[in-house]
Amino acid sequence: MSDPLIIEPSKTADACVIWLHGLGADRYDFQPVAEALQQRLHTTRFVLPQAPTRAVSINGGWAMPSWYDILAMSPARAIDQAQLEQSAQSVIDLIEAQRDSGIDPARIFLAGFSQGGAVVYHTAFLRWLGPLGGVIALSTYAPTFNPDLKLSPAQTGLPVLVLHGSRDEVVLPAMGRAAYDCLIQNQVKAQWKDYSMAHEVTPAEIRDIGDWLADQLG
């Protein structure tokens, strides 16, 4: 995987957000968002990784940046599980690198849009067992959540902000809500917010993320 884009804050970093882009995008996609958030989060580093370029079955096999192959769209996404696991491991490697650089893992957040959010969900609730600051899930779904999901005390204590567009026709709101409902059923401290938008990011959403991060970081 290519090196991530790292956006340093104006002051010495004591917190970090690892933010994964969506299918077909790249590590620069959320650079403007990160820079906007840093205007109020002066000690938060943003790490924006780049997905590998690979063939995507639902797009006719065309190669594009993707965290995993999507084999079919319905009734639920059929995905390449091995590629998802590889992407989750790359996120774990980034968490560990930030931890080893001196950032307390309890101040490391995972954020992801669409397919990137699915990787974040999988990493935070099925792979990573240590402390984290929280999860921001944007216009996404959780292909590996199921009714038998069993979480550790650290995972159930993880704050999660779930954001979705009410007019999203790419990842239907019901898919986002299903992931949220699964977290709530497992006593996770998740918060749901929806917006009158399609499969996108809006200024109001970014303001809400800034407020939430500021609250978590104290």
N, C-alpha and C. Protein backbone atom coordinates (compact mmCIF):
# COMPACT_ATOMS: atom_id res chain seq x y z
N MET A 1 0.84 -1.20 0.00
CA MET A 1 0.00 0.00 0.00
C MET A 1 0.87 1.24 0.00
N SER A 2 0.45 2.27 -0.72
CA SER A 2 1.18 3.53 -0.76
C SER A 2 1.24 4.16 0.62
N ASP A 3 2.23 5.00 0.80
CA ASP A 3 2.32 5.72 2.07
C ASP A 3 1.10 6.62 2.25
N PRO A 4 0.61 6.73 3.49
CA PRO A 4 -0.54 7.61 3.72
C PRO A 4 -0.14 9.08 3.62
N LEU A 5 -1.12 9.91 3.36
CA LEU A 5 -0.95 11.35 3.46
C LEU A 5 -1.10 11.72 4.93
N ILE A 6 -0.10 12.38 5.49
CA ILE A 6 -0.13 12.76 6.90
C ILE A 6 -0.20 14.28 6.99
N ILE A 7 -1.23 14.77 7.66
CA ILE A 7 -1.44 16.21 7.80
C ILE A 7 -1.20 16.57 9.26
N GLU A 8 -0.10 17.25 9.51
CA GLU A 8 0.27 17.59 10.89
C GLU A 8 -0.51 18.82 11.35
N PRO A 9 -0.84 18.86 12.64
CA PRO A 9 -1.55 20.02 13.19
C PRO A 9 -0.61 21.19 13.43
N SER A 10 -1.18 22.33 13.80
CA SER A 10 -0.37 23.53 14.03
C SER A 10 0.44 23.44 15.31
N LYS A 11 0.00 22.60 16.25
CA LYS A 11 0.74 22.38 17.50
C LYS A 11 1.14 20.92 17.60
N THR A 12 1.94 20.58 18.59
CA THR A 12 2.42 19.20 18.75
C THR A 12 1.24 18.24 18.85
N ALA A 13 1.28 17.19 18.05
CA ALA A 13 0.16 16.25 17.99
C ALA A 13 0.07 15.42 19.27
N ASP A 14 -1.16 15.36 19.83
CA ASP A 14 -1.41 14.45 20.94
C ASP A 14 -2.68 13.62 20.68
N ALA A 15 -3.19 13.68 19.46
CA ALA A 15 -4.35 12.90 19.04
C ALA A 15 -4.23 12.65 17.54
N CYS A 16 -4.98 11.66 17.06
CA CYS A 16 -4.86 11.30 15.64
C CYS A 16 -6.19 10.76 15.13
N VAL A 17 -6.53 11.12 13.88
CA VAL A 17 -7.66 10.53 13.18
C VAL A 17 -7.12 9.84 11.93
N ILE A 18 -7.37 8.54 11.83
CA ILE A 18 -7.02 7.76 10.64
C ILE A 18 -8.29 7.66 9.80
N TRP A 19 -8.27 8.26 8.60
CA TRP A 19 -9.51 8.48 7.83
C TRP A 19 -9.40 7.78 6.48
N LEU A 20 -10.28 6.82 6.22
CA LEU A 20 -10.26 6.03 4.99
C LEU A 20 -11.27 6.56 3.97
N HIS A 21 -10.80 6.75 2.74
CA HIS A 21 -11.65 7.23 1.65
C HIS A 21 -12.56 6.12 1.14
N GLY A 22 -13.44 6.47 0.21
CA GLY A 22 -14.38 5.52 -0.37
C GLY A 22 -13.85 4.89 -1.65
N LEU A 23 -14.67 4.02 -2.22
CA LEU A 23 -14.33 3.30 -3.45
C LEU A 23 -14.07 4.28 -4.58
N GLY A 24 -12.94 4.10 -5.27
CA GLY A 24 -12.63 4.92 -6.44
C GLY A 24 -12.02 6.26 -6.13
N ALA A 25 -11.90 6.60 -4.85
CA ALA A 25 -11.31 7.89 -4.45
C ALA A 25 -9.84 7.68 -4.10
N ASP A 26 -9.23 8.65 -3.44
CA ASP A 26 -7.83 8.48 -3.05
C ASP A 26 -7.55 9.21 -1.74
N ARG A 27 -6.30 9.15 -1.31
CA ARG A 27 -5.92 9.68 0.01
C ARG A 27 -6.07 11.19 0.09
N TYR A 28 -6.19 11.87 -1.05
CA TYR A 28 -6.35 13.33 -1.03
C TYR A 28 -7.82 13.74 -0.91
N ASP A 29 -8.73 12.77 -0.99
CA ASP A 29 -10.15 13.07 -1.04
C ASP A 29 -10.62 13.86 0.19
N PHE A 30 -10.12 13.48 1.36
CA PHE A 30 -10.56 14.13 2.59
C PHE A 30 -9.53 15.12 3.15
N GLN A 31 -8.52 15.46 2.34
CA GLN A 31 -7.55 16.46 2.81
C GLN A 31 -8.21 17.79 3.17
N PRO A 32 -9.13 18.33 2.34
CA PRO A 32 -9.77 19.60 2.73
C PRO A 32 -10.57 19.48 4.03
N VAL A 33 -11.20 18.33 4.24
CA VAL A 33 -11.96 18.12 5.47
C VAL A 33 -11.03 18.10 6.67
N ALA A 34 -9.92 17.37 6.54
CA ALA A 34 -8.96 17.31 7.64
C ALA A 34 -8.42 18.70 7.97
N GLU A 35 -8.08 19.46 6.95
CA GLU A 35 -7.53 20.79 7.19
C GLU A 35 -8.57 21.72 7.81
N ALA A 36 -9.84 21.55 7.42
CA ALA A 36 -10.91 22.35 8.03
C ALA A 36 -11.08 22.00 9.50
N LEU A 37 -11.04 20.70 9.81
CA LEU A 37 -11.20 20.27 11.20
C LEU A 37 -10.03 20.72 12.07
N GLN A 38 -8.84 20.77 11.48
CA GLN A 38 -7.67 21.20 12.26
C GLN A 38 -7.72 22.68 12.64
N GLN A 39 -8.60 23.44 12.03
CA GLN A 39 -8.73 24.85 12.42
C GLN A 39 -9.25 24.98 13.85
N ARG A 40 -9.90 23.91 14.36
CA ARG A 40 -10.33 23.93 15.76
C ARG A 40 -9.68 22.83 16.58
N LEU A 41 -9.13 21.82 15.90
CA LEU A 41 -8.45 20.71 16.59
C LEU A 41 -6.95 20.89 16.37
N HIS A 42 -6.35 21.76 17.16
CA HIS A 42 -4.98 22.23 16.88
C HIS A 42 -3.90 21.22 17.21
N THR A 43 -4.26 20.11 17.88
CA THR A 43 -3.24 19.11 18.24
C THR A 43 -3.59 17.74 17.66
N THR A 44 -4.43 17.71 16.64
CA THR A 44 -4.87 16.43 16.07
C THR A 44 -4.24 16.21 14.70
N ARG A 45 -3.49 15.13 14.60
CA ARG A 45 -2.89 14.71 13.32
C ARG A 45 -3.92 13.92 12.53
N PHE A 46 -3.93 14.08 11.22
CA PHE A 46 -4.79 13.28 10.34
C PHE A 46 -3.92 12.40 9.45
N VAL A 47 -4.24 11.13 9.42
CA VAL A 47 -3.54 10.15 8.59
C VAL A 47 -4.54 9.63 7.57
N LEU A 48 -4.25 9.86 6.29
CA LEU A 48 -5.18 9.52 5.21
C LEU A 48 -4.53 8.45 4.32
N PRO A 49 -4.85 7.18 4.56
CA PRO A 49 -4.22 6.11 3.78
C PRO A 49 -4.82 6.00 2.38
N GLN A 50 -4.08 5.32 1.52
CA GLN A 50 -4.48 5.11 0.13
C GLN A 50 -4.81 3.64 -0.09
N ALA A 51 -6.01 3.35 -0.61
CA ALA A 51 -6.37 1.97 -0.93
C ALA A 51 -5.59 1.48 -2.14
N PRO A 52 -5.31 0.18 -2.21
CA PRO A 52 -4.66 -0.37 -3.40
C PRO A 52 -5.57 -0.24 -4.62
N THR A 53 -4.98 -0.18 -5.80
CA THR A 53 -5.74 -0.20 -7.05
C THR A 53 -5.91 -1.65 -7.47
N ARG A 54 -7.17 -2.05 -7.63
CA ARG A 54 -7.46 -3.46 -7.97
C ARG A 54 -8.77 -3.52 -8.76
N ALA A 55 -8.99 -4.64 -9.41
CA ALA A 55 -10.22 -4.84 -10.17
C ALA A 55 -11.42 -4.92 -9.24
N VAL A 56 -12.51 -4.28 -9.65
CA VAL A 56 -13.74 -4.30 -8.86
C VAL A 56 -14.84 -4.94 -9.71
N SER A 57 -15.34 -6.07 -9.24
CA SER A 57 -16.26 -6.89 -10.04
C SER A 57 -17.53 -6.15 -10.42
N ILE A 58 -18.13 -5.42 -9.48
CA ILE A 58 -19.41 -4.76 -9.78
C ILE A 58 -19.25 -3.62 -10.79
N ASN A 59 -18.01 -3.19 -11.01
CA ASN A 59 -17.75 -2.14 -11.99
C ASN A 59 -17.13 -2.71 -13.26
N GLY A 60 -17.53 -3.91 -13.60
CA GLY A 60 -17.07 -4.52 -14.84
C GLY A 60 -15.62 -4.95 -14.83
N GLY A 61 -15.07 -5.10 -13.63
CA GLY A 61 -13.68 -5.52 -13.51
C GLY A 61 -12.67 -4.41 -13.72
N TRP A 62 -13.14 -3.17 -13.85
CA TRP A 62 -12.21 -2.05 -13.99
C TRP A 62 -11.40 -1.88 -12.71
N ALA A 63 -10.13 -1.55 -12.86
CA ALA A 63 -9.26 -1.35 -11.71
C ALA A 63 -9.44 0.07 -11.17
N MET A 64 -9.53 0.18 -9.87
CA MET A 64 -9.67 1.47 -9.20
C MET A 64 -9.25 1.31 -7.75
N PRO A 65 -9.00 2.41 -7.05
CA PRO A 65 -8.67 2.28 -5.64
C PRO A 65 -9.84 1.66 -4.88
N SER A 66 -9.57 0.57 -4.21
CA SER A 66 -10.63 -0.10 -3.43
C SER A 66 -10.00 -0.85 -2.26
N TRP A 67 -10.72 -0.83 -1.15
CA TRP A 67 -10.24 -1.54 0.04
C TRP A 67 -10.52 -3.03 -0.05
N TYR A 68 -11.49 -3.41 -0.89
CA TYR A 68 -11.79 -4.82 -1.15
C TYR A 68 -12.69 -4.88 -2.37
N ASP A 69 -12.68 -6.04 -3.03
CA ASP A 69 -13.55 -6.24 -4.19
C ASP A 69 -14.99 -6.44 -3.73
N ILE A 70 -15.93 -5.84 -4.46
CA ILE A 70 -17.35 -6.06 -4.23
C ILE A 70 -17.84 -6.97 -5.36
N LEU A 71 -18.26 -8.17 -4.97
CA LEU A 71 -18.61 -9.19 -5.95
C LEU A 71 -20.04 -9.06 -6.44
N ALA A 72 -20.94 -8.60 -5.57
CA ALA A 72 -22.34 -8.43 -5.92
C ALA A 72 -22.96 -7.41 -4.97
N MET A 73 -24.04 -6.76 -5.43
CA MET A 73 -24.64 -5.67 -4.66
C MET A 73 -25.80 -6.11 -3.80
N SER A 74 -26.51 -7.18 -4.18
CA SER A 74 -27.74 -7.49 -3.45
C SER A 74 -27.88 -9.01 -3.28
N PRO A 75 -28.68 -9.42 -2.25
CA PRO A 75 -29.45 -8.58 -1.32
C PRO A 75 -28.58 -7.76 -0.37
N ALA A 76 -27.41 -8.28 -0.04
CA ALA A 76 -26.42 -7.51 0.71
C ALA A 76 -25.11 -7.60 -0.05
N ARG A 77 -24.19 -6.68 0.25
CA ARG A 77 -22.91 -6.70 -0.47
C ARG A 77 -22.21 -8.05 -0.27
N ALA A 78 -21.79 -8.65 -1.39
CA ALA A 78 -20.91 -9.82 -1.33
C ALA A 78 -19.50 -9.31 -1.59
N ILE A 79 -18.59 -9.57 -0.67
CA ILE A 79 -17.28 -8.95 -0.74
C ILE A 79 -16.16 -9.99 -0.69
N ASP A 80 -14.96 -9.56 -1.06
CA ASP A 80 -13.77 -10.40 -0.93
C ASP A 80 -13.26 -10.26 0.51
N GLN A 81 -13.54 -11.27 1.31
CA GLN A 81 -13.23 -11.21 2.74
C GLN A 81 -11.72 -11.10 2.99
N ALA A 82 -10.93 -11.81 2.19
CA ALA A 82 -9.48 -11.79 2.40
C ALA A 82 -8.92 -10.38 2.17
N GLN A 83 -9.43 -9.68 1.17
CA GLN A 83 -8.98 -8.31 0.91
C GLN A 83 -9.42 -7.37 2.03
N LEU A 84 -10.62 -7.58 2.56
CA LEU A 84 -11.05 -6.79 3.70
C LEU A 84 -10.12 -6.99 4.88
N GLU A 85 -9.72 -8.24 5.13
CA GLU A 85 -8.82 -8.52 6.24
C GLU A 85 -7.46 -7.84 6.03
N GLN A 86 -6.98 -7.84 4.79
CA GLN A 86 -5.72 -7.16 4.49
C GLN A 86 -5.82 -5.67 4.76
N SER A 87 -6.95 -5.07 4.37
CA SER A 87 -7.14 -3.64 4.60
C SER A 87 -7.24 -3.35 6.09
N ALA A 88 -7.95 -4.21 6.83
CA ALA A 88 -8.04 -4.02 8.28
C ALA A 88 -6.65 -4.10 8.92
N GLN A 89 -5.83 -5.02 8.45
CA GLN A 89 -4.48 -5.13 9.00
C GLN A 89 -3.67 -3.88 8.71
N SER A 90 -3.88 -3.28 7.54
CA SER A 90 -3.14 -2.05 7.22
C SER A 90 -3.56 -0.92 8.16
N VAL A 91 -4.84 -0.91 8.56
CA VAL A 91 -5.30 0.10 9.53
C VAL A 91 -4.68 -0.17 10.90
N ILE A 92 -4.63 -1.44 11.30
CA ILE A 92 -4.00 -1.79 12.57
C ILE A 92 -2.53 -1.35 12.58
N ASP A 93 -1.85 -1.56 11.45
CA ASP A 93 -0.46 -1.12 11.35
C ASP A 93 -0.34 0.39 11.56
N LEU A 94 -1.30 1.16 11.02
CA LEU A 94 -1.28 2.61 11.19
C LEU A 94 -1.56 3.00 12.65
N ILE A 95 -2.51 2.30 13.29
CA ILE A 95 -2.77 2.56 14.71
C ILE A 95 -1.50 2.33 15.52
N GLU A 96 -0.85 1.22 15.27
CA GLU A 96 0.35 0.88 16.03
C GLU A 96 1.48 1.86 15.76
N ALA A 97 1.58 2.34 14.53
CA ALA A 97 2.62 3.33 14.21
C ALA A 97 2.37 4.63 14.96
N GLN A 98 1.10 5.05 15.04
CA GLN A 98 0.79 6.27 15.79
C GLN A 98 1.03 6.06 17.28
N ARG A 99 0.65 4.91 17.78
CA ARG A 99 0.92 4.59 19.19
C ARG A 99 2.42 4.63 19.48
N ASP A 100 3.19 4.03 18.59
CA ASP A 100 4.64 3.98 18.80
C ASP A 100 5.28 5.35 18.66
N SER A 101 4.60 6.28 17.98
CA SER A 101 5.13 7.64 17.85
C SER A 101 4.82 8.50 19.08
N GLY A 102 4.02 7.93 20.01
CA GLY A 102 3.74 8.64 21.25
C GLY A 102 2.30 9.06 21.45
N ILE A 103 1.40 8.72 20.49
CA ILE A 103 -0.01 9.07 20.64
C ILE A 103 -0.71 7.98 21.48
N ASP A 104 -1.38 8.40 22.53
CA ASP A 104 -2.16 7.46 23.35
C ASP A 104 -3.24 6.84 22.48
N PRO A 105 -3.34 5.48 22.40
CA PRO A 105 -4.39 4.87 21.58
C PRO A 105 -5.80 5.32 21.94
N ALA A 106 -6.01 5.74 23.18
CA ALA A 106 -7.33 6.25 23.57
C ALA A 106 -7.63 7.60 22.93
N ARG A 107 -6.65 8.17 22.22
CA ARG A 107 -6.85 9.42 21.48
C ARG A 107 -6.62 9.22 19.98
N ILE A 108 -6.74 7.98 19.55
CA ILE A 108 -6.67 7.64 18.12
C ILE A 108 -8.07 7.25 17.65
N PHE A 109 -8.56 7.92 16.61
CA PHE A 109 -9.90 7.69 16.09
C PHE A 109 -9.81 7.09 14.70
N LEU A 110 -10.77 6.24 14.38
CA LEU A 110 -10.89 5.69 13.04
C LEU A 110 -12.12 6.30 12.37
N ALA A 111 -11.94 6.83 11.17
CA ALA A 111 -13.04 7.40 10.40
C ALA A 111 -13.01 6.80 9.00
N GLY A 112 -14.20 6.61 8.42
CA GLY A 112 -14.23 6.07 7.07
C GLY A 112 -15.52 6.41 6.36
N PHE A 113 -15.38 6.71 5.07
CA PHE A 113 -16.54 7.02 4.21
C PHE A 113 -16.83 5.82 3.33
N SER A 114 -18.10 5.40 3.30
CA SER A 114 -18.57 4.35 2.41
C SER A 114 -17.74 3.07 2.59
N GLN A 115 -17.06 2.58 1.55
CA GLN A 115 -16.28 1.36 1.70
C GLN A 115 -15.21 1.50 2.77
N GLY A 116 -14.63 2.70 2.89
CA GLY A 116 -13.65 2.93 3.95
C GLY A 116 -14.26 2.77 5.33
N GLY A 117 -15.53 3.16 5.47
CA GLY A 117 -16.21 3.00 6.74
C GLY A 117 -16.44 1.54 7.09
N ALA A 118 -16.70 0.72 6.07
CA ALA A 118 -16.88 -0.72 6.31
C ALA A 118 -15.59 -1.33 6.86
N VAL A 119 -14.44 -0.88 6.35
CA VAL A 119 -13.15 -1.36 6.87
C VAL A 119 -12.96 -0.89 8.31
N VAL A 120 -13.35 0.34 8.59
CA VAL A 120 -13.22 0.89 9.94
C VAL A 120 -14.08 0.10 10.92
N TYR A 121 -15.33 -0.17 10.56
CA TYR A 121 -16.19 -0.98 11.43
C TYR A 121 -15.55 -2.34 11.71
N HIS A 122 -15.09 -3.00 10.67
CA HIS A 122 -14.50 -4.33 10.83
C HIS A 122 -13.26 -4.28 11.72
N THR A 123 -12.44 -3.28 11.49
CA THR A 123 -11.20 -3.16 12.27
C THR A 123 -11.51 -2.90 13.74
N ALA A 124 -12.38 -1.95 14.01
CA ALA A 124 -12.64 -1.53 15.39
C ALA A 124 -13.39 -2.58 16.20
N PHE A 125 -14.28 -3.34 15.55
CA PHE A 125 -15.15 -4.23 16.31
C PHE A 125 -14.91 -5.72 16.10
N LEU A 126 -14.03 -6.07 15.15
CA LEU A 126 -13.73 -7.48 14.95
C LEU A 126 -12.23 -7.79 14.94
N ARG A 127 -11.39 -6.78 14.85
CA ARG A 127 -9.95 -7.04 14.77
C ARG A 127 -9.14 -6.40 15.90
N TRP A 128 -9.34 -5.12 16.14
CA TRP A 128 -8.53 -4.39 17.12
C TRP A 128 -9.09 -4.63 18.52
N LEU A 129 -8.23 -5.05 19.44
CA LEU A 129 -8.69 -5.41 20.78
C LEU A 129 -8.30 -4.39 21.84
N GLY A 130 -7.46 -3.43 21.49
CA GLY A 130 -7.00 -2.45 22.46
C GLY A 130 -7.88 -1.23 22.52
N PRO A 131 -7.46 -0.22 23.29
CA PRO A 131 -8.24 1.01 23.40
C PRO A 131 -8.18 1.82 22.10
N LEU A 132 -9.23 2.62 21.90
CA LEU A 132 -9.30 3.58 20.80
C LEU A 132 -10.10 4.77 21.30
N GLY A 133 -9.96 5.90 20.60
CA GLY A 133 -10.72 7.07 20.97
C GLY A 133 -12.17 6.98 20.55
N GLY A 134 -12.42 6.40 19.37
CA GLY A 134 -13.78 6.30 18.86
C GLY A 134 -13.78 6.04 17.37
N VAL A 135 -14.99 5.94 16.81
CA VAL A 135 -15.20 5.63 15.40
C VAL A 135 -16.17 6.64 14.80
N ILE A 136 -15.85 7.11 13.58
CA ILE A 136 -16.75 7.96 12.81
C ILE A 136 -17.08 7.22 11.53
N ALA A 137 -18.36 6.88 11.36
CA ALA A 137 -18.82 6.07 10.24
C ALA A 137 -19.69 6.92 9.32
N LEU A 138 -19.18 7.26 8.14
CA LEU A 138 -19.86 8.16 7.22
C LEU A 138 -20.44 7.39 6.03
N SER A 139 -21.75 7.45 5.87
CA SER A 139 -22.43 6.91 4.69
C SER A 139 -21.95 5.49 4.39
N THR A 140 -21.99 4.65 5.43
CA THR A 140 -21.36 3.34 5.29
C THR A 140 -22.25 2.23 5.83
N TYR A 141 -21.71 1.04 5.84
CA TYR A 141 -22.42 -0.17 6.25
C TYR A 141 -21.40 -1.10 6.90
N ALA A 142 -21.89 -2.22 7.44
CA ALA A 142 -21.00 -3.15 8.15
C ALA A 142 -21.21 -4.56 7.61
N PRO A 143 -20.52 -4.94 6.54
CA PRO A 143 -20.77 -6.24 5.91
C PRO A 143 -20.40 -7.43 6.78
N THR A 144 -19.60 -7.21 7.83
CA THR A 144 -19.19 -8.34 8.66
C THR A 144 -19.87 -8.36 10.03
N PHE A 145 -20.79 -7.43 10.28
CA PHE A 145 -21.59 -7.53 11.49
C PHE A 145 -22.65 -8.62 11.30
N ASN A 146 -22.97 -9.33 12.37
CA ASN A 146 -24.02 -10.34 12.31
C ASN A 146 -24.66 -10.48 13.69
N PRO A 147 -25.77 -11.19 13.81
CA PRO A 147 -26.46 -11.28 15.10
C PRO A 147 -25.63 -11.92 16.21
N ASP A 148 -24.58 -12.65 15.83
CA ASP A 148 -23.73 -13.32 16.84
C ASP A 148 -22.54 -12.47 17.27
N LEU A 149 -22.52 -11.22 16.86
CA LEU A 149 -21.41 -10.34 17.21
C LEU A 149 -21.23 -10.27 18.72
N LYS A 150 -20.02 -10.54 19.18
CA LYS A 150 -19.70 -10.49 20.61
C LYS A 150 -18.54 -9.51 20.79
N LEU A 151 -18.75 -8.52 21.62
CA LEU A 151 -17.76 -7.45 21.77
C LEU A 151 -17.11 -7.49 23.15
N SER A 152 -15.87 -7.03 23.20
CA SER A 152 -15.15 -6.93 24.47
C SER A 152 -15.62 -5.69 25.23
N PRO A 153 -15.34 -5.61 26.53
CA PRO A 153 -15.68 -4.39 27.28
C PRO A 153 -15.09 -3.13 26.66
N ALA A 154 -13.86 -3.22 26.14
CA ALA A 154 -13.25 -2.04 25.51
C ALA A 154 -14.04 -1.62 24.28
N GLN A 155 -14.54 -2.60 23.52
CA GLN A 155 -15.29 -2.28 22.30
C GLN A 155 -16.67 -1.72 22.63
N THR A 156 -17.33 -2.25 23.64
CA THR A 156 -18.65 -1.72 23.98
C THR A 156 -18.56 -0.31 24.54
N GLY A 157 -17.40 0.06 25.07
CA GLY A 157 -17.22 1.41 25.59
C GLY A 157 -16.78 2.42 24.55
N LEU A 158 -16.69 1.98 23.29
CA LEU A 158 -16.17 2.84 22.23
C LEU A 158 -17.25 3.80 21.73
N PRO A 159 -17.02 5.11 21.80
CA PRO A 159 -18.01 6.04 21.23
C PRO A 159 -17.99 5.99 19.71
N VAL A 160 -19.17 5.99 19.11
CA VAL A 160 -19.30 5.88 17.66
C VAL A 160 -20.27 6.94 17.16
N LEU A 161 -19.86 7.67 16.14
CA LEU A 161 -20.73 8.65 15.48
C LEU A 161 -21.07 8.11 14.10
N VAL A 162 -22.36 7.85 13.87
CA VAL A 162 -22.83 7.28 12.60
C VAL A 162 -23.59 8.37 11.84
N LEU A 163 -23.14 8.66 10.62
CA LEU A 163 -23.68 9.77 9.82
C LEU A 163 -24.13 9.22 8.47
N HIS A 164 -25.34 9.60 8.03
CA HIS A 164 -25.84 9.05 6.78
C HIS A 164 -26.78 10.03 6.09
N GLY A 165 -26.80 9.98 4.78
CA GLY A 165 -27.71 10.81 3.99
C GLY A 165 -29.05 10.13 3.79
N SER A 166 -30.13 10.86 4.01
CA SER A 166 -31.47 10.28 3.85
C SER A 166 -31.80 10.00 2.38
N ARG A 167 -31.03 10.60 1.46
CA ARG A 167 -31.26 10.40 0.02
C ARG A 167 -30.13 9.60 -0.63
N ASP A 168 -29.41 8.83 0.19
CA ASP A 168 -28.28 8.03 -0.32
C ASP A 168 -28.81 6.83 -1.10
N GLU A 169 -28.47 6.77 -2.39
CA GLU A 169 -28.90 5.65 -3.23
C GLU A 169 -27.75 4.68 -3.51
N VAL A 170 -26.56 4.98 -2.97
CA VAL A 170 -25.40 4.10 -3.15
C VAL A 170 -25.31 3.12 -1.98
N VAL A 171 -25.25 3.67 -0.76
CA VAL A 171 -25.37 2.86 0.45
C VAL A 171 -26.68 3.29 1.10
N LEU A 172 -27.69 2.47 0.96
CA LEU A 172 -29.03 2.85 1.40
C LEU A 172 -29.04 3.16 2.90
N PRO A 173 -29.83 4.13 3.31
CA PRO A 173 -29.91 4.46 4.74
C PRO A 173 -30.21 3.24 5.61
N ALA A 174 -31.00 2.31 5.11
CA ALA A 174 -31.31 1.10 5.89
C ALA A 174 -30.05 0.29 6.20
N MET A 175 -29.08 0.31 5.30
CA MET A 175 -27.83 -0.42 5.54
C MET A 175 -27.03 0.25 6.65
N GLY A 176 -26.99 1.58 6.63
CA GLY A 176 -26.31 2.30 7.70
C GLY A 176 -27.01 2.11 9.02
N ARG A 177 -28.33 2.13 8.98
CA ARG A 177 -29.11 1.97 10.20
C ARG A 177 -28.94 0.57 10.79
N ALA A 178 -28.82 -0.44 9.93
CA ALA A 178 -28.63 -1.81 10.41
C ALA A 178 -27.33 -1.94 11.20
N ALA A 179 -26.27 -1.29 10.72
CA ALA A 179 -25.00 -1.32 11.45
C ALA A 179 -25.15 -0.62 12.80
N TYR A 180 -25.79 0.53 12.79
CA TYR A 180 -26.03 1.28 14.02
C TYR A 180 -26.85 0.45 15.01
N ASP A 181 -27.93 -0.17 14.52
CA ASP A 181 -28.79 -0.97 15.40
C ASP A 181 -28.01 -2.13 16.02
N CYS A 182 -27.12 -2.73 15.25
CA CYS A 182 -26.30 -3.82 15.78
C CYS A 182 -25.41 -3.32 16.93
N LEU A 183 -24.85 -2.14 16.76
CA LEU A 183 -24.02 -1.57 17.83
C LEU A 183 -24.87 -1.30 19.08
N ILE A 184 -26.03 -0.71 18.90
CA ILE A 184 -26.90 -0.41 20.03
C ILE A 184 -27.30 -1.69 20.77
N GLN A 185 -27.60 -2.74 20.01
CA GLN A 185 -27.96 -4.01 20.63
C GLN A 185 -26.83 -4.58 21.46
N ASN A 186 -25.61 -4.19 21.13
CA ASN A 186 -24.44 -4.65 21.88
C ASN A 186 -23.97 -3.62 22.92
N GLN A 187 -24.86 -2.67 23.25
CA GLN A 187 -24.61 -1.66 24.29
C GLN A 187 -23.45 -0.72 23.95
N VAL A 188 -23.17 -0.56 22.66
CA VAL A 188 -22.15 0.40 22.24
C VAL A 188 -22.74 1.82 22.31
N LYS A 189 -21.91 2.77 22.70
CA LYS A 189 -22.36 4.17 22.82
C LYS A 189 -22.35 4.84 21.45
N ALA A 190 -23.29 4.43 20.61
CA ALA A 190 -23.36 4.96 19.24
C ALA A 190 -24.41 6.06 19.15
N GLN A 191 -24.13 7.02 18.28
CA GLN A 191 -25.05 8.14 18.03
C GLN A 191 -25.34 8.19 16.54
N TRP A 192 -26.62 8.32 16.17
CA TRP A 192 -27.02 8.37 14.76
C TRP A 192 -27.41 9.79 14.37
N LYS A 193 -26.91 10.25 13.22
CA LYS A 193 -27.33 11.53 12.66
C LYS A 193 -27.58 11.34 11.18
N ASP A 194 -28.72 11.83 10.70
CA ASP A 194 -28.93 11.78 9.25
C ASP A 194 -29.12 13.19 8.71
N TYR A 195 -28.87 13.31 7.42
CA TYR A 195 -28.84 14.61 6.74
C TYR A 195 -29.61 14.49 5.44
N SER A 196 -30.18 15.59 4.99
CA SER A 196 -30.88 15.60 3.70
C SER A 196 -29.83 15.72 2.59
N MET A 197 -29.21 14.59 2.29
CA MET A 197 -28.13 14.57 1.30
C MET A 197 -28.08 13.19 0.65
N ALA A 198 -27.34 13.11 -0.46
CA ALA A 198 -27.12 11.84 -1.14
C ALA A 198 -25.84 11.19 -0.58
N HIS A 199 -25.10 10.48 -1.45
CA HIS A 199 -23.87 9.79 -1.02
C HIS A 199 -22.73 10.80 -1.11
N GLU A 200 -22.59 11.62 -0.07
CA GLU A 200 -21.68 12.75 -0.12
C GLU A 200 -21.36 13.20 1.30
N VAL A 201 -20.62 14.30 1.38
CA VAL A 201 -20.29 14.92 2.67
C VAL A 201 -20.67 16.39 2.59
N THR A 202 -21.29 16.91 3.63
CA THR A 202 -21.75 18.29 3.62
C THR A 202 -21.08 19.10 4.74
N PRO A 203 -21.06 20.43 4.60
CA PRO A 203 -20.48 21.27 5.65
C PRO A 203 -21.12 21.06 7.02
N ALA A 204 -22.44 20.87 7.05
CA ALA A 204 -23.11 20.65 8.34
C ALA A 204 -22.60 19.38 9.00
N GLU A 205 -22.37 18.35 8.20
CA GLU A 205 -21.85 17.09 8.71
C GLU A 205 -20.45 17.27 9.29
N ILE A 206 -19.62 18.02 8.58
CA ILE A 206 -18.25 18.26 9.05
C ILE A 206 -18.26 19.06 10.35
N ARG A 207 -19.17 20.02 10.46
CA ARG A 207 -19.28 20.76 11.72
C ARG A 207 -19.66 19.83 12.87
N ASP A 208 -20.57 18.91 12.61
CA ASP A 208 -20.98 17.97 13.65
C ASP A 208 -19.83 17.04 14.04
N ILE A 209 -19.04 16.63 13.06
CA ILE A 209 -17.87 15.81 13.36
C ILE A 209 -16.87 16.59 14.22
N GLY A 210 -16.65 17.86 13.88
CA GLY A 210 -15.76 18.69 14.68
C GLY A 210 -16.24 18.83 16.11
N ASP A 211 -17.54 19.04 16.30
CA ASP A 211 -18.10 19.15 17.64
C ASP A 211 -17.89 17.85 18.42
N TRP A 212 -18.16 16.74 17.75
CA TRP A 212 -18.05 15.43 18.41
C TRP A 212 -16.60 15.12 18.79
N LEU A 213 -15.68 15.38 17.86
CA LEU A 213 -14.27 15.13 18.17
C LEU A 213 -13.80 16.02 19.33
N ALA A 214 -14.20 17.28 19.30
CA ALA A 214 -13.81 18.20 20.36
C ALA A 214 -14.32 17.70 21.71
N ASP A 215 -15.55 17.17 21.74
CA ASP A 215 -16.11 16.63 22.98
C ASP A 215 -15.32 15.41 23.45
N GLN A 216 -14.97 14.53 22.52
CA GLN A 216 -14.25 13.31 22.90
C GLN A 216 -12.85 13.63 23.40
N LEU A 217 -12.22 14.63 22.80
CA LEU A 217 -10.84 14.94 23.16
C LEU A 217 -10.74 15.81 24.41
N GLY A 218 -11.85 16.44 24.78
CA GLY A 218 -11.88 17.21 26.03
C GLY A 218 -11.13 18.53 25.97
